[in-house]
Amino acid sequence: MEKWDEELIARLLPHNEELRRHIEEHRRYEEQLEKFNQRPYLTNEEEVEKKRIQKLKLAGRDMIEAILAKHR
């Protein structure tokens, strides 16, 4: 993430509940993915769950970008 975006997020975060929610979700998804990535082997179910989380994380990132674009 660009330094400009980080500064914008820091400015908007206290006042924008939607942005705060998406950033918190993004961090949670990142933590969940990190747990999957630390494992040497995933079951089929775990692979499906990992893909689902990746899609949710990406969708959240898109929402964060859309909010930032409104304020640039």
Protein backbone atom coordinates (compact mmCIF):
# COMPACT_ATOMS: atom_id res chain seq x y z
CA MET A 1 0.00 0.00 0.00
CA GLU A 2 1.24 3.45 -0.89
CA LYS A 3 2.29 5.86 1.84
CA TRP A 4 -0.40 8.28 0.60
CA ASP A 5 -3.07 5.58 1.06
CA GLU A 6 -1.82 4.78 4.55
CA GLU A 7 -2.02 8.44 5.51
CA LEU A 8 -5.52 8.72 4.05
CA ILE A 9 -6.65 5.63 5.95
CA ALA A 10 -5.22 7.03 9.18
CA ARG A 11 -7.15 10.25 8.61
CA LEU A 12 -10.44 8.56 7.69
CA LEU A 13 -10.41 5.66 10.14
CA PRO A 14 -11.70 7.51 13.22
CA HIS A 15 -14.67 8.88 11.26
CA ASN A 16 -15.56 6.14 8.78
CA GLU A 17 -17.14 3.04 10.34
CA GLU A 18 -17.42 1.23 6.99
CA LEU A 19 -13.72 1.67 6.27
CA ARG A 20 -12.85 0.54 9.80
CA ARG A 21 -14.99 -2.59 9.41
CA HIS A 22 -13.42 -3.51 6.05
CA ILE A 23 -9.89 -3.00 7.36
CA GLU A 24 -10.57 -5.14 10.44
CA GLU A 25 -12.06 -7.90 8.26
CA HIS A 26 -9.08 -7.67 5.90
CA ARG A 27 -6.69 -8.15 8.82
CA ARG A 28 -8.70 -11.11 10.15
CA TYR A 29 -8.65 -12.76 6.74
CA GLU A 30 -4.90 -12.17 6.49
CA GLU A 31 -4.38 -13.87 9.86
CA GLN A 32 -6.52 -16.83 8.82
CA LEU A 33 -4.63 -17.19 5.55
CA GLU A 34 -1.31 -17.03 7.37
CA LYS A 35 -2.38 -20.01 9.48
CA PHE A 36 -3.21 -21.97 6.34
CA ASN A 37 0.09 -20.94 4.73
CA GLN A 38 2.09 -22.24 7.70
CA ARG A 39 0.75 -25.74 7.25
CA PRO A 40 2.65 -28.09 4.97
CA TYR A 41 -0.51 -29.83 3.78
CA LEU A 42 -4.16 -28.85 3.54
CA THR A 43 -7.13 -31.16 3.20
CA ASN A 44 -9.54 -30.58 0.34
CA GLU A 45 -11.93 -28.85 2.72
CA GLU A 46 -9.15 -26.61 4.01
CA GLU A 47 -8.16 -25.72 0.44
CA VAL A 48 -11.74 -24.73 -0.31
CA GLU A 49 -11.89 -22.63 2.85
CA LYS A 50 -8.57 -20.99 2.01
CA LYS A 51 -9.87 -20.04 -1.46
CA ARG A 52 -13.09 -18.69 0.08
CA ILE A 53 -11.12 -16.51 2.51
CA GLN A 54 -8.86 -15.27 -0.30
CA LYS A 55 -11.92 -14.17 -2.28
CA LEU A 56 -13.42 -12.43 0.75
CA LYS A 57 -10.13 -10.69 1.43
CA LEU A 58 -9.91 -9.51 -2.17
CA ALA A 59 -13.50 -8.26 -2.14
CA GLY A 60 -12.75 -6.37 1.08
CA ARG A 61 -9.66 -4.86 -0.47
CA ASP A 62 -11.77 -3.68 -3.40
CA MET A 63 -14.19 -2.04 -0.97
CA ILE A 64 -11.32 -0.32 0.85
CA GLU A 65 -9.98 0.96 -2.48
CA ALA A 66 -13.43 2.24 -3.47
CA ILE A 67 -13.77 4.15 -0.21
CA LEU A 68 -10.29 5.64 -0.60
CA ALA A 69 -11.02 6.62 -4.20
CA LYS A 70 -13.99 8.69 -3.01
CA HIS A 71 -11.66 10.70 -0.76
CA ARG A 72 -8.65 11.14 -3.02
